[in-house]
Amino acid sequence: MKDLKVTCCDELHSSISRFINDTKTIIGDYEDMKAVILLMIKSGYMFNMDRDRLRDAMEDITFMLCPDDDANKDRVERGLEYEDGEYDDEDDDDDDDRANMRVDDSIGVDDSIEDIGNAGNLD
């Protein structure tokens, strides 16, 4: 069995860059970077992280090595954008739920509970 070289997040970029330099690999696009990662795994490198983190590093390094390729630039830019719909929809749903709530005195009111006022008056 091959010696394993466990790569963690802190050394991810430097490990990939070092491997590219050591193997004298030319990176022209993201497909080349995928081939490098597969070669690294075949050589015994293990990436101890979420695959999204690995993909982000691959995109960053590919763009760093080929900054004039618009496809590489677009990949990095997409990763830097907020996903507008994801956060806005959640907030809108909460607002809609509150707006649709109404108090109906005939349902669920327990007259035996005494109203003691605002908690701020407890000083």
PDB file of N, CA and C in Angstrom:
ATOM      1  N   MET A   1       0.826  -1.181   0.000  1.00  0.00           N
ATOM      2  CA  MET A   1       0.000   0.000   0.000  1.00  0.00           C
ATOM      3  C   MET A   1       0.876   1.253   0.000  1.00  0.00           C
ATOM      4  N   LYS A   2       0.400   2.281  -0.647  1.00  0.00           N
ATOM      5  CA  LYS A   2       1.147   3.538  -0.732  1.00  0.00           C
ATOM      6  C   LYS A   2       1.116   4.274   0.590  1.00  0.00           C
ATOM      7  N   ASP A   3       2.137   5.101   0.807  1.00  0.00           N
ATOM      8  CA  ASP A   3       2.126   5.990   1.971  1.00  0.00           C
ATOM      9  C   ASP A   3       1.070   7.053   1.746  1.00  0.00           C
ATOM     10  N   LEU A   4       0.238   7.269   2.755  1.00  0.00           N
ATOM     11  CA  LEU A   4      -0.803   8.281   2.647  1.00  0.00           C
ATOM     12  C   LEU A   4      -0.254   9.642   3.041  1.00  0.00           C
ATOM     13  N   LYS A   5      -0.645  10.628   2.300  1.00  0.00           N
ATOM     14  CA  LYS A   5      -0.281  12.011   2.585  1.00  0.00           C
ATOM     15  C   LYS A   5      -1.587  12.749   2.835  1.00  0.00           C
ATOM     16  N   VAL A   6      -1.965  12.866   4.109  1.00  0.00           N
ATOM     17  CA  VAL A   6      -3.233  13.502   4.462  1.00  0.00           C
ATOM     18  C   VAL A   6      -3.081  15.010   4.340  1.00  0.00           C
ATOM     19  N   THR A   7      -3.975  15.601   3.563  1.00  0.00           N
ATOM     20  CA  THR A   7      -3.955  17.045   3.342  1.00  0.00           C
ATOM     21  C   THR A   7      -5.180  17.656   4.007  1.00  0.00           C
ATOM     22  N   CYS A   8      -4.932  18.584   4.928  1.00  0.00           N
ATOM     23  CA  CYS A   8      -6.012  19.282   5.633  1.00  0.00           C
ATOM     24  C   CYS A   8      -6.216  20.664   5.001  1.00  0.00           C
ATOM     25  N   CYS A   9      -7.253  21.342   5.443  1.00  0.00           N
ATOM     26  CA  CYS A   9      -7.611  22.655   4.880  1.00  0.00           C
ATOM     27  C   CYS A   9      -6.463  23.659   4.935  1.00  0.00           C
ATOM     28  N   ASP A  10      -5.737  23.683   6.039  1.00  0.00           N
ATOM     29  CA  ASP A  10      -4.685  24.682   6.214  1.00  0.00           C
ATOM     30  C   ASP A  10      -3.576  24.567   5.180  1.00  0.00           C
ATOM     31  N   GLU A  11      -3.324  23.373   4.693  1.00  0.00           N
ATOM     32  CA  GLU A  11      -2.222  23.175   3.747  1.00  0.00           C
ATOM     33  C   GLU A  11      -2.707  22.816   2.343  1.00  0.00           C
ATOM     34  N   LEU A  12      -3.990  22.949   2.107  1.00  0.00           N
ATOM     35  CA  LEU A  12      -4.582  22.513   0.845  1.00  0.00           C
ATOM     36  C   LEU A  12      -3.962  23.208  -0.361  1.00  0.00           C
ATOM     37  N   HIS A  13      -3.990  24.528  -0.371  1.00  0.00           N
ATOM     38  CA  HIS A  13      -3.481  25.271  -1.525  1.00  0.00           C
ATOM     39  C   HIS A  13      -1.997  24.994  -1.764  1.00  0.00           C
ATOM     40  N   SER A  14      -1.215  24.982  -0.689  1.00  0.00           N
ATOM     41  CA  SER A  14       0.226  24.758  -0.864  1.00  0.00           C
ATOM     42  C   SER A  14       0.514  23.329  -1.324  1.00  0.00           C
ATOM     43  N   SER A  15      -0.255  22.347  -0.865  1.00  0.00           N
ATOM     44  CA  SER A  15      -0.041  20.953  -1.303  1.00  0.00           C
ATOM     45  C   SER A  15      -0.319  20.793  -2.793  1.00  0.00           C
ATOM     46  N   ILE A  16      -1.429  21.365  -3.242  1.00  0.00           N
ATOM     47  CA  ILE A  16      -1.765  21.269  -4.672  1.00  0.00           C
ATOM     48  C   ILE A  16      -0.738  22.009  -5.508  1.00  0.00           C
ATOM     49  N   SER A  17      -0.384  23.219  -5.090  1.00  0.00           N
ATOM     50  CA  SER A  17       0.605  24.008  -5.842  1.00  0.00           C
ATOM     51  C   SER A  17       1.955  23.303  -5.900  1.00  0.00           C
ATOM     52  N   ARG A  18       2.384  22.736  -4.776  1.00  0.00           N
ATOM     53  CA  ARG A  18       3.658  22.018  -4.731  1.00  0.00           C
ATOM     54  C   ARG A  18       3.626  20.811  -5.672  1.00  0.00           C
ATOM     55  N   PHE A  19       2.520  20.062  -5.658  1.00  0.00           N
ATOM     56  CA  PHE A  19       2.388  18.895  -6.524  1.00  0.00           C
ATOM     57  C   PHE A  19       2.446  19.304  -7.996  1.00  0.00           C
ATOM     58  N   ILE A  20       1.769  20.393  -8.337  1.00  0.00           N
ATOM     59  CA  ILE A  20       1.792  20.887  -9.725  1.00  0.00           C
ATOM     60  C   ILE A  20       3.208  21.246 -10.129  1.00  0.00           C
ATOM     61  N   ASN A  21       3.935  21.946  -9.249  1.00  0.00           N
ATOM     62  CA  ASN A  21       5.320  22.326  -9.546  1.00  0.00           C
ATOM     63  C   ASN A  21       6.234  21.110  -9.634  1.00  0.00           C
ATOM     64  N   ASP A  22       6.077  20.183  -8.686  1.00  0.00           N
ATOM     65  CA  ASP A  22       6.941  18.994  -8.668  1.00  0.00           C
ATOM     66  C   ASP A  22       6.746  18.120  -9.899  1.00  0.00           C
ATOM     67  N   THR A  23       5.508  18.012 -10.379  1.00  0.00           N
ATOM     68  CA  THR A  23       5.232  17.169 -11.548  1.00  0.00           C
ATOM     69  C   THR A  23       5.330  17.948 -12.860  1.00  0.00           C
ATOM     70  N   LYS A  24       5.601  19.242 -12.733  1.00  0.00           N
ATOM     71  CA  LYS A  24       5.732  20.121 -13.907  1.00  0.00           C
ATOM     72  C   LYS A  24       4.488  20.047 -14.807  1.00  0.00           C
ATOM     73  N   THR A  25       3.322  19.999 -14.155  1.00  0.00           N
ATOM     74  CA  THR A  25       2.048  19.922 -14.864  1.00  0.00           C
ATOM     75  C   THR A  25       1.634  21.308 -15.320  1.00  0.00           C
ATOM     76  N   ILE A  26       1.109  21.394 -16.511  1.00  0.00           N
ATOM     77  CA  ILE A  26       0.595  22.659 -17.036  1.00  0.00           C
ATOM     78  C   ILE A  26      -0.918  22.651 -16.875  1.00  0.00           C
ATOM     79  N   ILE A  27      -1.409  23.682 -16.197  1.00  0.00           N
ATOM     80  CA  ILE A  27      -2.839  23.822 -15.966  1.00  0.00           C
ATOM     81  C   ILE A  27      -3.371  24.880 -16.920  1.00  0.00           C
ATOM     82  N   GLY A  28      -4.311  24.472 -17.768  1.00  0.00           N
ATOM     83  CA  GLY A  28      -4.921  25.415 -18.706  1.00  0.00           C
ATOM     84  C   GLY A  28      -6.378  25.677 -18.400  1.00  0.00           C
ATOM     85  N   ASP A  29      -7.021  24.697 -17.785  1.00  0.00           N
ATOM     86  CA  ASP A  29      -8.431  24.857 -17.456  1.00  0.00           C
ATOM     87  C   ASP A  29      -8.786  23.941 -16.284  1.00  0.00           C
ATOM     88  N   TYR A  30     -10.031  23.979 -15.893  1.00  0.00           N
ATOM     89  CA  TYR A  30     -10.488  23.225 -14.729  1.00  0.00           C
ATOM     90  C   TYR A  30     -10.355  21.710 -14.943  1.00  0.00           C
ATOM     91  N   GLU A  31     -10.506  21.258 -16.183  1.00  0.00           N
ATOM     92  CA  GLU A  31     -10.339  19.827 -16.479  1.00  0.00           C
ATOM     93  C   GLU A  31      -8.916  19.372 -16.165  1.00  0.00           C
ATOM     94  N   ASP A  32      -7.935  20.222 -16.459  1.00  0.00           N
ATOM     95  CA  ASP A  32      -6.549  19.906 -16.115  1.00  0.00           C
ATOM     96  C   ASP A  32      -6.387  19.788 -14.598  1.00  0.00           C
ATOM     97  N   MET A  33      -7.062  20.687 -13.872  1.00  0.00           N
ATOM     98  CA  MET A  33      -6.973  20.656 -12.406  1.00  0.00           C
ATOM     99  C   MET A  33      -7.609  19.383 -11.853  1.00  0.00           C
ATOM    100  N   LYS A  34      -8.728  18.961 -12.424  1.00  0.00           N
ATOM    101  CA  LYS A  34      -9.347  17.704 -11.985  1.00  0.00           C
ATOM    102  C   LYS A  34      -8.385  16.540 -12.212  1.00  0.00           C
ATOM    103  N   ALA A  35      -7.698  16.551 -13.330  1.00  0.00           N
ATOM    104  CA  ALA A  35      -6.729  15.484 -13.620  1.00  0.00           C
ATOM    105  C   ALA A  35      -5.601  15.484 -12.585  1.00  0.00           C
ATOM    106  N   VAL A  36      -5.170  16.661 -12.159  1.00  0.00           N
ATOM    107  CA  VAL A  36      -4.118  16.756 -11.137  1.00  0.00           C
ATOM    108  C   VAL A  36      -4.604  16.161  -9.817  1.00  0.00           C
ATOM    109  N   ILE A  37      -5.829  16.502  -9.427  1.00  0.00           N
ATOM    110  CA  ILE A  37      -6.364  15.987  -8.157  1.00  0.00           C
ATOM    111  C   ILE A  37      -6.485  14.463  -8.219  1.00  0.00           C
ATOM    112  N   LEU A  38      -6.959  13.943  -9.336  1.00  0.00           N
ATOM    113  CA  LEU A  38      -7.044  12.486  -9.487  1.00  0.00           C
ATOM    114  C   LEU A  38      -5.661  11.840  -9.408  1.00  0.00           C
ATOM    115  N   LEU A  39      -4.675  12.474 -10.018  1.00  0.00           N
ATOM    116  CA  LEU A  39      -3.305  11.975  -9.958  1.00  0.00           C
ATOM    117  C   LEU A  39      -2.765  12.038  -8.526  1.00  0.00           C
ATOM    118  N   MET A  40      -3.121  13.105  -7.822  1.00  0.00           N
ATOM    119  CA  MET A  40      -2.687  13.219  -6.426  1.00  0.00           C
ATOM    120  C   MET A  40      -3.281  12.082  -5.592  1.00  0.00           C
ATOM    121  N   ILE A  41      -4.571  11.818  -5.763  1.00  0.00           N
ATOM    122  CA  ILE A  41      -5.213  10.739  -5.008  1.00  0.00           C
ATOM    123  C   ILE A  41      -4.583   9.396  -5.374  1.00  0.00           C
ATOM    124  N   LYS A  42      -4.328   9.208  -6.654  1.00  0.00           N
ATOM    125  CA  LYS A  42      -3.676   7.973  -7.122  1.00  0.00           C
ATOM    126  C   LYS A  42      -2.286   7.825  -6.508  1.00  0.00           C
ATOM    127  N   SER A  43      -1.631   8.975  -6.245  1.00  0.00           N
ATOM    128  CA  SER A  43      -0.284   8.972  -5.669  1.00  0.00           C
ATOM    129  C   SER A  43      -0.283   8.857  -4.146  1.00  0.00           C
ATOM    130  N   GLY A  44      -1.479   8.846  -3.524  1.00  0.00           N
ATOM    131  CA  GLY A  44      -1.544   8.651  -2.086  1.00  0.00           C
ATOM    132  C   GLY A  44      -2.009   9.858  -1.283  1.00  0.00           C
ATOM    133  N   TYR A  45      -2.353  10.940  -1.944  1.00  0.00           N
ATOM    134  CA  TYR A  45      -2.863  12.110  -1.226  1.00  0.00           C
ATOM    135  C   TYR A  45      -4.321  11.880  -0.844  1.00  0.00           C
ATOM    136  N   MET A  46      -4.659  12.218   0.390  1.00  0.00           N
ATOM    137  CA  MET A  46      -6.031  12.144   0.875  1.00  0.00           C
ATOM    138  C   MET A  46      -6.440  13.545   1.315  1.00  0.00           C
ATOM    139  N   PHE A  47      -7.584  13.981   0.880  1.00  0.00           N
ATOM    140  CA  PHE A  47      -8.061  15.323   1.188  1.00  0.00           C
ATOM    141  C   PHE A  47      -9.072  15.229   2.324  1.00  0.00           C
ATOM    142  N   ASN A  48      -8.629  15.624   3.514  1.00  0.00           N
ATOM    143  CA  ASN A  48      -9.426  15.517   4.730  1.00  0.00           C
ATOM    144  C   ASN A  48     -10.249  16.794   4.923  1.00  0.00           C
ATOM    145  N   MET A  49     -11.306  16.925   4.088  1.00  0.00           N
ATOM    146  CA  MET A  49     -12.143  18.112   4.129  1.00  0.00           C
ATOM    147  C   MET A  49     -13.392  17.867   3.313  1.00  0.00           C
ATOM    148  N   ASP A  50     -14.294  18.788   3.377  1.00  0.00           N
ATOM    149  CA  ASP A  50     -15.495  18.754   2.567  1.00  0.00           C
ATOM    150  C   ASP A  50     -15.104  18.933   1.099  1.00  0.00           C
ATOM    151  N   ARG A  51     -15.762  18.215   0.209  1.00  0.00           N
ATOM    152  CA  ARG A  51     -15.435  18.310  -1.225  1.00  0.00           C
ATOM    153  C   ARG A  51     -15.667  19.711  -1.780  1.00  0.00           C
ATOM    154  N   ASP A  52     -16.618  20.449  -1.204  1.00  0.00           N
ATOM    155  CA  ASP A  52     -16.830  21.830  -1.656  1.00  0.00           C
ATOM    156  C   ASP A  52     -15.585  22.670  -1.409  1.00  0.00           C
ATOM    157  N   ARG A  53     -14.935  22.451  -0.289  1.00  0.00           N
ATOM    158  CA  ARG A  53     -13.705  23.195   0.033  1.00  0.00           C
ATOM    159  C   ARG A  53     -12.602  22.845  -0.964  1.00  0.00           C
ATOM    160  N   LEU A  54     -12.507  21.575  -1.310  1.00  0.00           N
ATOM    161  CA  LEU A  54     -11.521  21.139  -2.301  1.00  0.00           C
ATOM    162  C   LEU A  54     -11.807  21.776  -3.649  1.00  0.00           C
ATOM    163  N   ARG A  55     -13.068  21.776  -4.070  1.00  0.00           N
ATOM    164  CA  ARG A  55     -13.430  22.388  -5.359  1.00  0.00           C
ATOM    165  C   ARG A  55     -13.118  23.880  -5.375  1.00  0.00           C
ATOM    166  N   ASP A  56     -13.374  24.561  -4.258  1.00  0.00           N
ATOM    167  CA  ASP A  56     -13.052  25.994  -4.195  1.00  0.00           C
ATOM    168  C   ASP A  56     -11.560  26.228  -4.408  1.00  0.00           C
ATOM    169  N   ALA A  57     -10.748  25.416  -3.763  1.00  0.00           N
ATOM    170  CA  ALA A  57      -9.291  25.546  -3.924  1.00  0.00           C
ATOM    171  C   ALA A  57      -8.877  25.252  -5.356  1.00  0.00           C
ATOM    172  N   MET A  58      -9.483  24.237  -5.946  1.00  0.00           N
ATOM    173  CA  MET A  58      -9.162  23.899  -7.339  1.00  0.00           C
ATOM    174  C   MET A  58      -9.498  25.065  -8.267  1.00  0.00           C
ATOM    175  N   GLU A  59     -10.661  25.685  -8.047  1.00  0.00           N
ATOM    176  CA  GLU A  59     -11.068  26.820  -8.870  1.00  0.00           C
ATOM    177  C   GLU A  59     -10.120  27.996  -8.679  1.00  0.00           C
ATOM    178  N   ASP A  60      -9.748  28.273  -7.435  1.00  0.00           N
ATOM    179  CA  ASP A  60      -8.840  29.389  -7.145  1.00  0.00           C
ATOM    180  C   ASP A  60      -7.482  29.194  -7.823  1.00  0.00           C
ATOM    181  N   ILE A  61      -6.923  28.011  -7.678  1.00  0.00           N
ATOM    182  CA  ILE A  61      -5.594  27.751  -8.248  1.00  0.00           C
ATOM    183  C   ILE A  61      -5.650  27.757  -9.767  1.00  0.00           C
ATOM    184  N   THR A  62      -6.711  27.198 -10.337  1.00  0.00           N
ATOM    185  CA  THR A  62      -6.850  27.212 -11.798  1.00  0.00           C
ATOM    186  C   THR A  62      -6.889  28.640 -12.309  1.00  0.00           C
ATOM    187  N   PHE A  63      -7.663  29.492 -11.640  1.00  0.00           N
ATOM    188  CA  PHE A  63      -7.726  30.905 -12.049  1.00  0.00           C
ATOM    189  C   PHE A  63      -6.384  31.596 -11.837  1.00  0.00           C
ATOM    190  N   MET A  64      -5.707  31.284 -10.738  1.00  0.00           N
ATOM    191  CA  MET A  64      -4.403  31.890 -10.457  1.00  0.00           C
ATOM    192  C   MET A  64      -3.395  31.559 -11.567  1.00  0.00           C
ATOM    193  N   LEU A  65      -3.436  30.311 -12.043  1.00  0.00           N
ATOM    194  CA  LEU A  65      -2.487  29.881 -13.065  1.00  0.00           C
ATOM    195  C   LEU A  65      -2.892  30.317 -14.474  1.00  0.00           C
ATOM    196  N   CYS A  66      -4.179  30.563 -14.695  1.00  0.00           N
ATOM    197  CA  CYS A  66      -4.683  30.972 -16.016  1.00  0.00           C
ATOM    198  C   CYS A  66      -5.710  32.101 -15.855  1.00  0.00           C
ATOM    199  N   PRO A  67      -5.267  33.282 -15.424  1.00  0.00           N
ATOM    200  CA  PRO A  67      -6.210  34.365 -15.140  1.00  0.00           C
ATOM    201  C   PRO A  67      -6.876  34.963 -16.378  1.00  0.00           C
ATOM    202  N   ASP A  68      -6.329  34.711 -17.555  1.00  0.00           N
ATOM    203  CA  ASP A  68      -6.908  35.287 -18.775  1.00  0.00           C
ATOM    204  C   ASP A  68      -8.049  34.458 -19.348  1.00  0.00           C
ATOM    205  N   ASP A  69      -8.286  33.274 -18.791  1.00  0.00           N
ATOM    206  CA  ASP A  69      -9.377  32.413 -19.255  1.00  0.00           C
ATOM    207  C   ASP A  69     -10.668  32.842 -18.556  1.00  0.00           C
ATOM    208  N   ASP A  70     -11.627  33.310 -19.344  1.00  0.00           N
ATOM    209  CA  ASP A  70     -12.889  33.807 -18.780  1.00  0.00           C
ATOM    210  C   ASP A  70     -13.660  32.733 -18.026  1.00  0.00           C
ATOM    211  N   ALA A  71     -13.577  31.489 -18.463  1.00  0.00           N
ATOM    212  CA  ALA A  71     -14.288  30.406 -17.778  1.00  0.00           C
ATOM    213  C   ALA A  71     -13.743  30.225 -16.364  1.00  0.00           C
ATOM    214  N   ASN A  72     -12.424  30.312 -16.206  1.00  0.00           N
ATOM    215  CA  ASN A  72     -11.816  30.200 -14.881  1.00  0.00           C
ATOM    216  C   ASN A  72     -12.246  31.358 -13.986  1.00  0.00           C
ATOM    217  N   LYS A  73     -12.255  32.552 -14.569  1.00  0.00           N
ATOM    218  CA  LYS A  73     -12.669  33.742 -13.823  1.00  0.00           C
ATOM    219  C   LYS A  73     -14.138  33.621 -13.397  1.00  0.00           C
ATOM    220  N   ASP A  74     -14.993  33.152 -14.296  1.00  0.00           N
ATOM    221  CA  ASP A  74     -16.418  33.005 -13.986  1.00  0.00           C
ATOM    222  C   ASP A  74     -16.656  32.024 -12.844  1.00  0.00           C
ATOM    223  N   ARG A  75     -15.900  30.932 -12.816  1.00  0.00           N
ATOM    224  CA  ARG A  75     -16.049  29.949 -11.739  1.00  0.00           C
ATOM    225  C   ARG A  75     -15.765  30.590 -10.382  1.00  0.00           C
ATOM    226  N   VAL A  76     -14.681  31.348 -10.307  1.00  0.00           N
ATOM    227  CA  VAL A  76     -14.311  31.986  -9.049  1.00  0.00           C
ATOM    228  C   VAL A  76     -15.337  33.054  -8.670  1.00  0.00           C
ATOM    229  N   GLU A  77     -15.770  33.847  -9.641  1.00  0.00           N
ATOM    230  CA  GLU A  77     -16.755  34.890  -9.362  1.00  0.00           C
ATOM    231  C   GLU A  77     -18.067  34.309  -8.847  1.00  0.00           C
ATOM    232  N   ARG A  78     -18.516  33.203  -9.435  1.00  0.00           N
ATOM    233  CA  ARG A  78     -19.759  32.569  -8.964  1.00  0.00           C
ATOM    234  C   ARG A  78     -19.624  32.116  -7.513  1.00  0.00           C
ATOM    235  N   GLY A  79     -18.459  31.636  -7.149  1.00  0.00           N
ATOM    236  CA  GLY A  79     -18.232  31.209  -5.775  1.00  0.00           C
ATOM    237  C   GLY A  79     -18.198  32.359  -4.784  1.00  0.00           C
ATOM    238  N   LEU A  80     -17.930  33.564  -5.281  1.00  0.00           N
ATOM    239  CA  LEU A  80     -17.862  34.734  -4.410  1.00  0.00           C
ATOM    240  C   LEU A  80     -19.199  35.440  -4.247  1.00  0.00           C
ATOM    241  N   GLU A  81     -20.175  35.058  -5.031  1.00  0.00           N
ATOM    242  CA  GLU A  81     -21.490  35.692  -4.966  1.00  0.00           C
ATOM    243  C   GLU A  81     -22.332  35.081  -3.860  1.00  0.00           C
ATOM    244  N   TYR A  82     -23.140  35.940  -3.234  1.00  0.00           N
ATOM    245  CA  TYR A  82     -24.156  35.444  -2.306  1.00  0.00           C
ATOM    246  C   TYR A  82     -25.259  34.816  -3.119  1.00  0.00           C
ATOM    247  N   GLU A  83     -25.872  33.819  -2.564  1.00  0.00           N
ATOM    248  CA  GLU A  83     -27.020  33.222  -3.224  1.00  0.00           C
ATOM    249  C   GLU A  83     -28.236  33.971  -2.729  1.00  0.00           C
ATOM    250  N   ASP A  84     -28.620  35.032  -3.476  1.00  0.00           N
ATOM    251  CA  ASP A  84     -29.669  35.954  -3.059  1.00  0.00           C
ATOM    252  C   ASP A  84     -30.959  35.258  -2.668  1.00  0.00           C
ATOM    253  N   GLY A  85     -31.445  34.373  -3.485  1.00  0.00           N
ATOM    254  CA  GLY A  85     -32.726  33.732  -3.239  1.00  0.00           C
ATOM    255  C   GLY A  85     -32.758  32.922  -1.963  1.00  0.00           C
ATOM    256  N   GLU A  86     -31.654  32.324  -1.588  1.00  0.00           N
ATOM    257  CA  GLU A  86     -31.621  31.444  -0.421  1.00  0.00           C
ATOM    258  C   GLU A  86     -31.953  32.190   0.859  1.00  0.00           C
ATOM    259  N   TYR A  87     -31.389  33.386   1.044  1.00  0.00           N
ATOM    260  CA  TYR A  87     -31.591  34.112   2.285  1.00  0.00           C
ATOM    261  C   TYR A  87     -32.848  34.971   2.257  1.00  0.00           C
ATOM    262  N   ASP A  88     -33.142  35.591   1.134  1.00  0.00           N
ATOM    263  CA  ASP A  88     -34.306  36.452   1.027  1.00  0.00           C
ATOM    264  C   ASP A  88     -35.594  35.675   1.202  1.00  0.00           C
ATOM    265  N   ASP A  89     -35.677  34.484   0.631  1.00  0.00           N
ATOM    266  CA  ASP A  89     -36.893  33.687   0.724  1.00  0.00           C
ATOM    267  C   ASP A  89     -37.214  33.316   2.163  1.00  0.00           C
ATOM    268  N   GLU A  90     -36.174  32.978   2.954  1.00  0.00           N
ATOM    269  CA  GLU A  90     -36.404  32.616   4.340  1.00  0.00           C
ATOM    270  C   GLU A  90     -36.980  33.792   5.115  1.00  0.00           C
ATOM    271  N   ASP A  91     -36.410  34.991   4.910  1.00  0.00           N
ATOM    272  CA  ASP A  91     -36.897  36.172   5.610  1.00  0.00           C
ATOM    273  C   ASP A  91     -38.317  36.499   5.185  1.00  0.00           C
ATOM    274  N   ASP A  92     -38.608  36.391   3.903  1.00  0.00           N
ATOM    275  CA  ASP A  92     -39.941  36.681   3.403  1.00  0.00           C
ATOM    276  C   ASP A  92     -40.959  35.711   3.976  1.00  0.00           C
ATOM    277  N   ASP A  93     -40.591  34.445   4.099  1.00  0.00           N
ATOM    278  CA  ASP A  93     -41.501  33.446   4.656  1.00  0.00           C
ATOM    279  C   ASP A  93     -41.857  33.776   6.096  1.00  0.00           C
ATOM    280  N   ASP A  94     -40.848  34.206   6.890  1.00  0.00           N
ATOM    281  CA  ASP A  94     -41.110  34.574   8.278  1.00  0.00           C
ATOM    282  C   ASP A  94     -42.064  35.753   8.356  1.00  0.00           C
ATOM    283  N   ASP A  95     -41.854  36.762   7.496  1.00  0.00           N
ATOM    284  CA  ASP A  95     -42.726  37.928   7.481  1.00  0.00           C
ATOM    285  C   ASP A  95     -44.141  37.534   7.100  1.00  0.00           C
ATOM    286  N   ASP A  96     -44.279  36.649   6.108  1.00  0.00           N
ATOM    287  CA  ASP A  96     -45.599  36.205   5.671  1.00  0.00           C
ATOM    288  C   ASP A  96     -46.313  35.462   6.796  1.00  0.00           C
ATOM    289  N   ASP A  97     -45.559  34.611   7.532  1.00  0.00           N
ATOM    290  CA  ASP A  97     -46.168  33.860   8.621  1.00  0.00           C
ATOM    291  C   ASP A  97     -46.694  34.798   9.702  1.00  0.00           C
ATOM    292  N   ARG A  98     -45.893  35.811  10.047  1.00  0.00           N
ATOM    293  CA  ARG A  98     -46.329  36.764  11.068  1.00  0.00           C
ATOM    294  C   ARG A  98     -47.522  37.577  10.582  1.00  0.00           C
ATOM    295  N   ALA A  99     -47.530  37.959   9.315  1.00  0.00           N
ATOM    296  CA  ALA A  99     -48.630  38.757   8.783  1.00  0.00           C
ATOM    297  C   ALA A  99     -49.935  37.962   8.736  1.00  0.00           C
ATOM    298  N   ASN A 100     -49.825  36.659   8.524  1.00  0.00           N
ATOM    299  CA  ASN A 100     -51.015  35.834   8.423  1.00  0.00           C
ATOM    300  C   ASN A 100     -51.561  35.393   9.788  1.00  0.00           C
ATOM    301  N   MET A 101     -50.815  35.625  10.851  1.00  0.00           N
ATOM    302  CA  MET A 101     -51.286  35.246  12.178  1.00  0.00           C
ATOM    303  C   MET A 101     -52.359  36.249  12.623  1.00  0.00           C
ATOM    304  N   ARG A 102     -53.361  35.739  13.294  1.00  0.00           N
ATOM    305  CA  ARG A 102     -54.366  36.634  13.858  1.00  0.00           C
ATOM    306  C   ARG A 102     -54.810  36.062  15.186  1.00  0.00           C
ATOM    307  N   VAL A 103     -55.264  36.914  16.023  1.00  0.00           N
ATOM    308  CA  VAL A 103     -55.716  36.491  17.340  1.00  0.00           C
ATOM    309  C   VAL A 103     -57.219  36.313  17.281  1.00  0.00           C
ATOM    310  N   ASP A 104     -57.672  35.164  17.711  1.00  0.00           N
ATOM    311  CA  ASP A 104     -59.104  34.873  17.761  1.00  0.00           C
ATOM    312  C   ASP A 104     -59.441  34.587  19.220  1.00  0.00           C
ATOM    313  N   ASP A 105     -60.129  35.517  19.851  1.00  0.00           N
ATOM    314  CA  ASP A 105     -60.409  35.402  21.280  1.00  0.00           C
ATOM    315  C   ASP A 105     -61.218  34.172  21.633  1.00  0.00           C
ATOM    316  N   SER A 106     -61.929  33.613  20.684  1.00  0.00           N
ATOM    317  CA  SER A 106     -62.781  32.473  21.002  1.00  0.00           C
ATOM    318  C   SER A 106     -62.041  31.143  20.976  1.00  0.00           C
ATOM    319  N   ILE A 107     -60.788  31.144  20.503  1.00  0.00           N
ATOM    320  CA  ILE A 107     -60.043  29.889  20.382  1.00  0.00           C
ATOM    321  C   ILE A 107     -58.761  29.970  21.196  1.00  0.00           C
ATOM    322  N   GLY A 108     -58.529  29.010  22.046  1.00  0.00           N
ATOM    323  CA  GLY A 108     -57.252  28.858  22.727  1.00  0.00           C
ATOM    324  C   GLY A 108     -56.947  29.892  23.792  1.00  0.00           C
ATOM    325  N   VAL A 109     -57.903  30.618  24.327  1.00  0.00           N
ATOM    326  CA  VAL A 109     -57.627  31.605  25.353  1.00  0.00           C
ATOM    327  C   VAL A 109     -57.957  30.991  26.711  1.00  0.00           C
ATOM    328  N   ASP A 110     -56.995  31.030  27.612  1.00  0.00           N
ATOM    329  CA  ASP A 110     -57.202  30.489  28.957  1.00  0.00           C
ATOM    330  C   ASP A 110     -57.402  31.672  29.903  1.00  0.00           C
ATOM    331  N   ASP A 111     -58.641  31.910  30.332  1.00  0.00           N
ATOM    332  CA  ASP A 111     -58.972  33.052  31.177  1.00  0.00           C
ATOM    333  C   ASP A 111     -58.377  32.935  32.577  1.00  0.00           C
ATOM    334  N   SER A 112     -57.892  31.757  32.966  1.00  0.00           N
ATOM    335  CA  SER A 112     -57.341  31.585  34.308  1.00  0.00           C
ATOM    336  C   SER A 112     -55.909  32.104  34.422  1.00  0.00           C
ATOM    337  N   ILE A 113     -55.299  32.466  33.305  1.00  0.00           N
ATOM    338  CA  ILE A 113     -53.927  32.967  33.330  1.00  0.00           C
ATOM    339  C   ILE A 113     -53.968  34.477  33.490  1.00  0.00           C
ATOM    340  N   GLU A 114     -53.287  34.972  34.517  1.00  0.00           N
ATOM    341  CA  GLU A 114     -53.282  36.390  34.814  1.00  0.00           C
ATOM    342  C   GLU A 114     -52.196  37.085  34.002  1.00  0.00           C
ATOM    343  N   ASP A 115     -52.530  38.226  33.435  1.00  0.00           N
ATOM    344  CA  ASP A 115     -51.566  39.038  32.695  1.00  0.00           C
ATOM    345  C   ASP A 115     -50.800  39.880  33.698  1.00  0.00           C
ATOM    346  N   ILE A 116     -49.470  39.648  33.816  1.00  0.00           N
ATOM    347  CA  ILE A 116     -48.682  40.384  34.802  1.00  0.00           C
ATOM    348  C   ILE A 116     -47.923  41.537  34.181  1.00  0.00           C
ATOM    349  N   GLY A 117     -48.155  41.825  32.923  1.00  0.00           N
ATOM    350  CA  GLY A 117     -47.531  42.985  32.285  1.00  0.00           C
ATOM    351  C   GLY A 117     -46.236  42.646  31.590  1.00  0.00           C
ATOM    352  N   ASN A 118     -45.456  43.668  31.320  1.00  0.00           N
ATOM    353  CA  ASN A 118     -44.222  43.569  30.575  1.00  0.00           C
ATOM    354  C   ASN A 118     -43.088  43.068  31.481  1.00  0.00           C
ATOM    355  N   ALA A 119     -42.259  42.201  31.005  1.00  0.00           N
ATOM    356  CA  ALA A 119     -41.140  41.670  31.782  1.00  0.00           C
ATOM    357  C   ALA A 119     -40.141  42.778  32.139  1.00  0.00           C
ATOM    358  N   GLY A 120     -40.136  43.865  31.395  1.00  0.00           N
ATOM    359  CA  GLY A 120     -39.225  44.990  31.686  1.00  0.00           C
ATOM    360  C   GLY A 120     -39.614  45.702  32.974  1.00  0.00           C
ATOM    361  N   ASN A 121     -40.782  45.464  33.499  1.00  0.00           N
ATOM    362  CA  ASN A 121     -41.243  46.125  34.725  1.00  0.00           C
ATOM    363  C   ASN A 121     -40.830  45.359  35.970  1.00  0.00           C
ATOM    364  N   LEU A 122     -39.941  44.398  35.871  1.00  0.00           N
ATOM    365  CA  LEU A 122     -39.566  43.557  36.998  1.00  0.00           C
ATOM    366  C   LEU A 122     -38.435  44.123  37.845  1.00  0.00           C
ATOM    367  N   ASP A 123     -38.010  45.325  37.615  1.00  0.00           N
ATOM    368  CA  ASP A 123     -36.869  45.927  38.359  1.00  0.00           C
ATOM    369  C   ASP A 123     -37.123  46.028  39.833  1.00  0.00           C
TER     370      ASP A 123
END
